[in-house]
Amino acid sequence: TVVAYRLADEGPGLALQKGWTSRALVAPLTP
């Protein structure tokens, strides 16, 4: 799959929040 995360401020720090995941793919490479 390809997974995308949004970079967000969370409290005093940062977080990578999962935004979406693609459908099943056969051995995907760097999007």
Full PDB file with SEQRES, HELIX, SHEET, SSBOND, CRYST1, ORIGX, SCALE, CONECT and MASTER records, all heavy atoms in Angstrom:
SEQRES   1 A   31  THR VAL VAL ALA TYR ARG LEU ALA ASP GLU GLY PRO GLY          
SEQRES   2 A   31  LEU ALA LEU GLN LYS GLY TRP THR SER ARG ALA LEU VAL          
SEQRES   3 A   31  ALA PRO LEU THR PRO                                          
SHEET    1 AA1 2 VAL A   3  GLU A  10  0                                        
SHEET    2 AA1 2 GLY A  13  THR A  21 -1                                        
CRYST1    1.000    1.000    1.000  90.00  90.00  90.00 P 1           1          
ORIGX1      1.000000  0.000000  0.000000        0.00000                         
ORIGX2      0.000000  1.000000  0.000000        0.00000                         
ORIGX3      0.000000  0.000000  1.000000        0.00000                         
SCALE1      1.000000  0.000000  0.000000        0.00000                         
SCALE2      0.000000  1.000000  0.000000        0.00000                         
SCALE3      0.000000  0.000000  1.000000        0.00000                         
ATOM      1  N   THR A   1       0.839  -1.193   0.000  1.00  0.00           N  
ATOM      2  CA  THR A   1       0.000   0.000   0.000  1.00  0.00           C  
ATOM      3  C   THR A   1       0.877   1.248   0.000  1.00  0.00           C  
ATOM      4  O   THR A   1       2.072   1.182   0.275  1.00  0.00           O  
ATOM      5  CB  THR A   1      -0.914   0.086   1.245  1.00  0.00           C  
ATOM      6  OG1 THR A   1      -0.096   0.104   2.419  1.00  0.00           O  
ATOM      7  CG2 THR A   1      -1.879  -1.091   1.305  1.00  0.00           C  
ATOM      8  N   VAL A   2       0.256   2.371  -0.305  1.00  0.00           N  
ATOM      9  CA  VAL A   2       0.883   3.675  -0.105  1.00  0.00           C  
ATOM     10  C   VAL A   2       0.136   4.362   1.032  1.00  0.00           C  
ATOM     11  O   VAL A   2      -1.098   4.430   1.016  1.00  0.00           O  
ATOM     12  CB  VAL A   2       0.840   4.535  -1.375  1.00  0.00           C  
ATOM     13  CG1 VAL A   2       1.339   5.951  -1.090  1.00  0.00           C  
ATOM     14  CG2 VAL A   2       1.689   3.900  -2.477  1.00  0.00           C  
ATOM     15  N   VAL A   3       0.867   4.820   2.034  1.00  0.00           N  
ATOM     16  CA  VAL A   3       0.270   5.462   3.194  1.00  0.00           C  
ATOM     17  C   VAL A   3       0.738   6.913   3.252  1.00  0.00           C  
ATOM     18  O   VAL A   3       1.932   7.195   3.059  1.00  0.00           O  
ATOM     19  CB  VAL A   3       0.664   4.742   4.500  1.00  0.00           C  
ATOM     20  CG1 VAL A   3       0.003   5.396   5.702  1.00  0.00           C  
ATOM     21  CG2 VAL A   3       0.290   3.266   4.434  1.00  0.00           C  
ATOM     22  N   ALA A   4      -0.181   7.819   3.507  1.00  0.00           N  
ATOM     23  CA  ALA A   4       0.154   9.241   3.606  1.00  0.00           C  
ATOM     24  C   ALA A   4      -0.149   9.741   5.011  1.00  0.00           C  
ATOM     25  O   ALA A   4      -1.190   9.423   5.598  1.00  0.00           O  
ATOM     26  CB  ALA A   4      -0.633  10.053   2.590  1.00  0.00           C  
ATOM     27  N   TYR A   5       0.781  10.516   5.554  1.00  0.00           N  
ATOM     28  CA  TYR A   5       0.642  11.097   6.882  1.00  0.00           C  
ATOM     29  C   TYR A   5       0.694  12.613   6.777  1.00  0.00           C  
ATOM     30  O   TYR A   5       1.470  13.168   5.987  1.00  0.00           O  
ATOM     31  CB  TYR A   5       1.783  10.648   7.801  1.00  0.00           C  
ATOM     32  CG  TYR A   5       1.849   9.164   8.047  1.00  0.00           C  
ATOM     33  CD1 TYR A   5       2.558   8.342   7.184  1.00  0.00           C  
ATOM     34  CD2 TYR A   5       1.214   8.589   9.146  1.00  0.00           C  
ATOM     35  CE1 TYR A   5       2.635   6.967   7.403  1.00  0.00           C  
ATOM     36  CE2 TYR A   5       1.279   7.224   9.377  1.00  0.00           C  
ATOM     37  CZ  TYR A   5       1.987   6.418   8.508  1.00  0.00           C  
ATOM     38  OH  TYR A   5       2.056   5.070   8.719  1.00  0.00           O  
ATOM     39  N   ARG A   6      -0.132  13.279   7.599  1.00  0.00           N  
ATOM     40  CA  ARG A   6      -0.069  14.728   7.678  1.00  0.00           C  
ATOM     41  C   ARG A   6       0.808  15.124   8.876  1.00  0.00           C  
ATOM     42  O   ARG A   6       0.721  14.514   9.945  1.00  0.00           O  
ATOM     43  CB  ARG A   6      -1.463  15.346   7.797  1.00  0.00           C  
ATOM     44  CG  ARG A   6      -2.212  15.003   9.047  1.00  0.00           C  
ATOM     45  CD  ARG A   6      -3.530  15.778   9.141  1.00  0.00           C  
ATOM     46  NE  ARG A   6      -4.481  15.341   8.155  1.00  0.00           N  
ATOM     47  CZ  ARG A   6      -5.334  14.332   8.325  1.00  0.00           C  
ATOM     48  NH1 ARG A   6      -5.330  13.647   9.465  1.00  0.00           N  
ATOM     49  NH2 ARG A   6      -6.186  14.002   7.390  1.00  0.00           N  
ATOM     50  N   LEU A   7       1.646  16.129   8.677  1.00  0.00           N  
ATOM     51  CA  LEU A   7       2.493  16.632   9.755  1.00  0.00           C  
ATOM     52  C   LEU A   7       1.723  17.724  10.482  1.00  0.00           C  
ATOM     53  O   LEU A   7       1.329  18.725   9.875  1.00  0.00           O  
ATOM     54  CB  LEU A   7       3.801  17.182   9.169  1.00  0.00           C  
ATOM     55  CG  LEU A   7       4.862  17.657  10.162  1.00  0.00           C  
ATOM     56  CD1 LEU A   7       5.354  16.493  11.011  1.00  0.00           C  
ATOM     57  CD2 LEU A   7       6.027  18.301   9.408  1.00  0.00           C  
ATOM     58  N   ALA A   8       1.510  17.516  11.764  1.00  0.00           N  
ATOM     59  CA  ALA A   8       0.644  18.438  12.505  1.00  0.00           C  
ATOM     60  C   ALA A   8       1.265  18.803  13.842  1.00  0.00           C  
ATOM     61  O   ALA A   8       2.001  18.013  14.441  1.00  0.00           O  
ATOM     62  CB  ALA A   8      -0.724  17.804  12.729  1.00  0.00           C  
ATOM     63  N   ASP A   9       0.967  20.016  14.307  1.00  0.00           N  
ATOM     64  CA  ASP A   9       1.346  20.413  15.657  1.00  0.00           C  
ATOM     65  C   ASP A   9       0.451  19.666  16.645  1.00  0.00           C  
ATOM     66  O   ASP A   9      -0.759  19.587  16.460  1.00  0.00           O  
ATOM     67  CB  ASP A   9       1.176  21.922  15.838  1.00  0.00           C  
ATOM     68  CG  ASP A   9       2.137  22.710  14.958  1.00  0.00           C  
ATOM     69  OD1 ASP A   9       3.347  22.498  15.091  1.00  0.00           O  
ATOM     70  OD2 ASP A   9       1.660  23.512  14.144  1.00  0.00           O  
ATOM     71  N   GLU A  10       1.067  19.124  17.675  1.00  0.00           N  
ATOM     72  CA  GLU A  10       0.312  18.381  18.682  1.00  0.00           C  
ATOM     73  C   GLU A  10       0.908  18.700  20.043  1.00  0.00           C  
ATOM     74  O   GLU A  10       1.990  18.217  20.376  1.00  0.00           O  
ATOM     75  CB  GLU A  10       0.373  16.883  18.397  1.00  0.00           C  
ATOM     76  CG  GLU A  10      -0.602  16.066  19.220  1.00  0.00           C  
ATOM     77  CD  GLU A  10      -0.678  14.628  18.742  1.00  0.00           C  
ATOM     78  OE1 GLU A  10      -1.417  14.352  17.765  1.00  0.00           O  
ATOM     79  OE2 GLU A  10       0.015  13.779  19.338  1.00  0.00           O  
ATOM     80  N   GLY A  11       0.215  19.529  20.814  1.00  0.00           N  
ATOM     81  CA  GLY A  11       0.772  19.995  22.079  1.00  0.00           C  
ATOM     82  C   GLY A  11       2.014  20.820  21.804  1.00  0.00           C  
ATOM     83  O   GLY A  11       2.045  21.632  20.875  1.00  0.00           O  
ATOM     84  N   PRO A  12       3.082  20.584  22.560  1.00  0.00           N  
ATOM     85  CA  PRO A  12       4.311  21.335  22.331  1.00  0.00           C  
ATOM     86  C   PRO A  12       5.166  20.767  21.195  1.00  0.00           C  
ATOM     87  O   PRO A  12       6.178  21.347  20.833  1.00  0.00           O  
ATOM     88  CB  PRO A  12       5.048  21.189  23.672  1.00  0.00           C  
ATOM     89  CG  PRO A  12       4.596  19.861  24.186  1.00  0.00           C  
ATOM     90  CD  PRO A  12       3.167  19.710  23.751  1.00  0.00           C  
ATOM     91  N   GLY A  13       4.747  19.622  20.651  1.00  0.00           N  
ATOM     92  CA  GLY A  13       5.567  18.964  19.643  1.00  0.00           C  
ATOM     93  C   GLY A  13       4.849  18.780  18.321  1.00  0.00           C  
ATOM     94  O   GLY A  13       3.928  19.522  17.969  1.00  0.00           O  
ATOM     95  N   LEU A  14       5.295  17.771  17.573  1.00  0.00           N  
ATOM     96  CA  LEU A  14       4.732  17.451  16.268  1.00  0.00           C  
ATOM     97  C   LEU A  14       4.228  16.017  16.268  1.00  0.00           C  
ATOM     98  O   LEU A  14       4.638  15.201  17.094  1.00  0.00           O  
ATOM     99  CB  LEU A  14       5.789  17.616  15.168  1.00  0.00           C  
ATOM    100  CG  LEU A  14       6.325  19.012  14.906  1.00  0.00           C  
ATOM    101  CD1 LEU A  14       7.471  18.953  13.899  1.00  0.00           C  
ATOM    102  CD2 LEU A  14       5.216  19.917  14.368  1.00  0.00           C  
ATOM    103  N   ALA A  15       3.363  15.709  15.325  1.00  0.00           N  
ATOM    104  CA  ALA A  15       2.871  14.347  15.164  1.00  0.00           C  
ATOM    105  C   ALA A  15       2.684  14.073  13.683  1.00  0.00           C  
ATOM    106  O   ALA A  15       2.419  14.986  12.892  1.00  0.00           O  
ATOM    107  CB  ALA A  15       1.548  14.148  15.905  1.00  0.00           C  
ATOM    108  N   LEU A  16       2.851  12.813  13.301  1.00  0.00           N  
ATOM    109  CA  LEU A  16       2.522  12.348  11.960  1.00  0.00           C  
ATOM    110  C   LEU A  16       1.207  11.585  12.070  1.00  0.00           C  
ATOM    111  O   LEU A  16       1.159  10.481  12.609  1.00  0.00           O  
ATOM    112  CB  LEU A  16       3.638  11.453  11.409  1.00  0.00           C  
ATOM    113  CG  LEU A  16       4.902  12.165  10.947  1.00  0.00           C  
ATOM    114  CD1 LEU A  16       6.032  11.175  10.734  1.00  0.00           C  
ATOM    115  CD2 LEU A  16       4.652  12.955   9.665  1.00  0.00           C  
ATOM    116  N   GLN A  17       0.141  12.196  11.571  1.00  0.00           N  
ATOM    117  CA  GLN A  17      -1.197  11.622  11.667  1.00  0.00           C  
ATOM    118  C   GLN A  17      -1.558  10.942  10.354  1.00  0.00           C  
ATOM    119  O   GLN A  17      -1.452  11.554   9.292  1.00  0.00           O  
ATOM    120  CB  GLN A  17      -2.210  12.716  11.982  1.00  0.00           C  
ATOM    121  CG  GLN A  17      -1.916  13.493  13.257  1.00  0.00           C  
ATOM    122  CD  GLN A  17      -2.781  14.724  13.406  1.00  0.00           C  
ATOM    123  OE1 GLN A  17      -3.387  15.205  12.443  1.00  0.00           O  
ATOM    124  NE2 GLN A  17      -2.847  15.272  14.619  1.00  0.00           N  
ATOM    125  N   LYS A  18      -1.957   9.672  10.430  1.00  0.00           N  
ATOM    126  CA  LYS A  18      -2.302   8.955   9.203  1.00  0.00           C  
ATOM    127  C   LYS A  18      -3.492   9.632   8.537  1.00  0.00           C  
ATOM    128  O   LYS A  18      -4.540   9.845   9.146  1.00  0.00           O  
ATOM    129  CB  LYS A  18      -2.616   7.498   9.497  1.00  0.00           C  
ATOM    130  CG  LYS A  18      -2.868   6.673   8.224  1.00  0.00           C  
ATOM    131  CD  LYS A  18      -3.178   5.215   8.525  1.00  0.00           C  
ATOM    132  CE  LYS A  18      -1.942   4.470   8.956  1.00  0.00           C  
ATOM    133  NZ  LYS A  18      -2.205   2.999   9.044  1.00  0.00           N  
ATOM    134  N   GLY A  19      -3.333   9.984   7.268  1.00  0.00           N  
ATOM    135  CA  GLY A  19      -4.387  10.658   6.521  1.00  0.00           C  
ATOM    136  C   GLY A  19      -5.184   9.703   5.668  1.00  0.00           C  
ATOM    137  O   GLY A  19      -6.406   9.705   5.683  1.00  0.00           O  
ATOM    138  N   TRP A  20      -4.482   8.870   4.899  1.00  0.00           N  
ATOM    139  CA  TRP A  20      -5.181   7.892   4.063  1.00  0.00           C  
ATOM    140  C   TRP A  20      -4.238   6.774   3.667  1.00  0.00           C  
ATOM    141  O   TRP A  20      -3.017   6.891   3.755  1.00  0.00           O  
ATOM    142  CB  TRP A  20      -5.791   8.550   2.830  1.00  0.00           C  
ATOM    143  CG  TRP A  20      -4.836   9.334   1.968  1.00  0.00           C  
ATOM    144  CD1 TRP A  20      -4.630  10.678   1.997  1.00  0.00           C  
ATOM    145  CD2 TRP A  20      -3.951   8.822   0.956  1.00  0.00           C  
ATOM    146  NE1 TRP A  20      -3.671  11.041   1.081  1.00  0.00           N  
ATOM    147  CE2 TRP A  20      -3.243   9.927   0.423  1.00  0.00           C  
ATOM    148  CE3 TRP A  20      -3.686   7.561   0.437  1.00  0.00           C  
ATOM    149  CZ2 TRP A  20      -2.295   9.806  -0.594  1.00  0.00           C  
ATOM    150  CZ3 TRP A  20      -2.734   7.427  -0.579  1.00  0.00           C  
ATOM    151  CH2 TRP A  20      -2.066   8.549  -1.083  1.00  0.00           C  
ATOM    152  N   THR A  21      -4.849   5.672   3.240  1.00  0.00           N  
ATOM    153  CA  THR A  21      -4.114   4.501   2.772  1.00  0.00           C  
ATOM    154  C   THR A  21      -4.699   4.086   1.434  1.00  0.00           C  
ATOM    155  O   THR A  21      -5.927   4.046   1.270  1.00  0.00           O  
ATOM    156  CB  THR A  21      -4.231   3.334   3.774  1.00  0.00           C  
ATOM    157  OG1 THR A  21      -3.736   3.768   5.045  1.00  0.00           O  
ATOM    158  CG2 THR A  21      -3.424   2.130   3.311  1.00  0.00           C  
ATOM    159  N   SER A  22      -3.852   3.785   0.468  1.00  0.00           N  
ATOM    160  CA  SER A  22      -4.333   3.383  -0.854  1.00  0.00           C  
ATOM    161  C   SER A  22      -4.950   1.981  -0.799  1.00  0.00           C  
ATOM    162  O   SER A  22      -4.817   1.260   0.199  1.00  0.00           O  
ATOM    163  CB  SER A  22      -3.183   3.392  -1.861  1.00  0.00           C  
ATOM    164  OG  SER A  22      -2.315   2.285  -1.623  1.00  0.00           O  
ATOM    165  N   ARG A  23      -5.589   1.605  -1.860  1.00  0.00           N  
ATOM    166  CA  ARG A  23      -6.043   0.220  -1.990  1.00  0.00           C  
ATOM    167  C   ARG A  23      -4.830  -0.695  -2.100  1.00  0.00           C  
ATOM    168  O   ARG A  23      -3.696  -0.225  -2.243  1.00  0.00           O  
ATOM    169  CB  ARG A  23      -6.923   0.071  -3.226  1.00  0.00           C  
ATOM    170  CG  ARG A  23      -6.199   0.339  -4.548  1.00  0.00           C  
ATOM    171  CD  ARG A  23      -7.119   0.066  -5.728  1.00  0.00           C  
ATOM    172  NE  ARG A  23      -6.495   0.399  -6.994  1.00  0.00           N  
ATOM    173  CZ  ARG A  23      -5.644  -0.375  -7.658  1.00  0.00           C  
ATOM    174  NH1 ARG A  23      -5.297  -1.543  -7.140  1.00  0.00           N  
ATOM    175  NH2 ARG A  23      -5.136   0.000  -8.812  1.00  0.00           N  
ATOM    176  N   ALA A  24      -5.047  -1.990  -2.040  1.00  0.00           N  
ATOM    177  CA  ALA A  24      -3.945  -2.952  -2.132  1.00  0.00           C  
ATOM    178  C   ALA A  24      -3.242  -2.821  -3.478  1.00  0.00           C  
ATOM    179  O   ALA A  24      -3.885  -2.747  -4.538  1.00  0.00           O  
ATOM    180  CB  ALA A  24      -4.476  -4.362  -1.955  1.00  0.00           C  
ATOM    181  N   LEU A  25      -1.926  -2.765  -3.438  1.00  0.00           N  
ATOM    182  CA  LEU A  25      -1.101  -2.628  -4.637  1.00  0.00           C  
ATOM    183  C   LEU A  25      -0.040  -3.721  -4.632  1.00  0.00           C  
ATOM    184  O   LEU A  25       0.344  -4.232  -3.588  1.00  0.00           O  
ATOM    185  CB  LEU A  25      -0.429  -1.251  -4.669  1.00  0.00           C  
ATOM    186  CG  LEU A  25      -1.364  -0.043  -4.643  1.00  0.00           C  
ATOM    187  CD1 LEU A  25      -0.557   1.234  -4.405  1.00  0.00           C  
ATOM    188  CD2 LEU A  25      -2.130   0.064  -5.954  1.00  0.00           C  
ATOM    189  N   VAL A  26       0.431  -4.070  -5.822  1.00  0.00           N  
ATOM    190  CA  VAL A  26       1.457  -5.098  -5.940  1.00  0.00           C  
ATOM    191  C   VAL A  26       2.830  -4.444  -5.870  1.00  0.00           C  
ATOM    192  O   VAL A  26       3.242  -3.743  -6.785  1.00  0.00           O  
ATOM    193  CB  VAL A  26       1.320  -5.884  -7.259  1.00  0.00           C  
ATOM    194  CG1 VAL A  26       2.435  -6.928  -7.365  1.00  0.00           C  
ATOM    195  CG2 VAL A  26      -0.045  -6.553  -7.337  1.00  0.00           C  
ATOM    196  N   ALA A  27       3.522  -4.638  -4.746  1.00  0.00           N  
ATOM    197  CA  ALA A  27       4.892  -4.170  -4.554  1.00  0.00           C  
ATOM    198  C   ALA A  27       5.105  -2.735  -5.013  1.00  0.00           C  
ATOM    199  O   ALA A  27       5.919  -2.464  -5.902  1.00  0.00           O  
ATOM    200  CB  ALA A  27       5.868  -5.087  -5.284  1.00  0.00           C  
ATOM    201  N   PRO A  28       4.392  -1.772  -4.434  1.00  0.00           N  
ATOM    202  CA  PRO A  28       4.579  -0.371  -4.849  1.00  0.00           C  
ATOM    203  C   PRO A  28       5.954   0.158  -4.461  1.00  0.00           C  
ATOM    204  O   PRO A  28       6.526  -0.258  -3.453  1.00  0.00           O  
ATOM    205  CB  PRO A  28       3.476   0.371  -4.095  1.00  0.00           C  
ATOM    206  CG  PRO A  28       3.253  -0.464  -2.871  1.00  0.00           C  
ATOM    207  CD  PRO A  28       3.433  -1.884  -3.324  1.00  0.00           C  
ATOM    208  N   LEU A  29       6.442   1.079  -5.283  1.00  0.00           N  
ATOM    209  CA  LEU A  29       7.709   1.749  -5.006  1.00  0.00           C  
ATOM    210  C   LEU A  29       7.406   3.167  -4.533  1.00  0.00           C  
ATOM    211  O   LEU A  29       6.256   3.527  -4.305  1.00  0.00           O  
ATOM    212  CB  LEU A  29       8.583   1.740  -6.257  1.00  0.00           C  
ATOM    213  CG  LEU A  29       8.922   0.354  -6.808  1.00  0.00           C  
ATOM    214  CD1 LEU A  29       9.738   0.469  -8.089  1.00  0.00           C  
ATOM    215  CD2 LEU A  29       9.648  -0.490  -5.781  1.00  0.00           C  
ATOM    216  N   THR A  30       8.454   3.981  -4.394  1.00  0.00           N  
ATOM    217  CA  THR A  30       8.268   5.351  -3.905  1.00  0.00           C  
ATOM    218  C   THR A  30       7.272   6.099  -4.788  1.00  0.00           C  
ATOM    219  O   THR A  30       7.461   6.167  -6.015  1.00  0.00           O  
ATOM    220  CB  THR A  30       9.607   6.097  -3.912  1.00  0.00           C  
ATOM    221  OG1 THR A  30      10.556   5.358  -3.142  1.00  0.00           O  
ATOM    222  CG2 THR A  30       9.453   7.480  -3.322  1.00  0.00           C  
ATOM    223  N   PRO A  31       6.193   6.638  -4.223  1.00  0.00           N  
ATOM    224  CA  PRO A  31       5.202   7.333  -5.042  1.00  0.00           C  
ATOM    225  C   PRO A  31       5.750   8.650  -5.595  1.00  0.00           C  
ATOM    226  O   PRO A  31       6.690   9.230  -5.050  1.00  0.00           O  
ATOM    227  CB  PRO A  31       4.048   7.584  -4.072  1.00  0.00           C  
ATOM    228  CG  PRO A  31       4.687   7.583  -2.718  1.00  0.00           C  
ATOM    229  CD  PRO A  31       5.829   6.610  -2.801  1.00  0.00           C  
TER     230      PRO A  31                                                      
MASTER        0    0    0    0    2    0    0    6  229    1    0    3          
END                                                                             
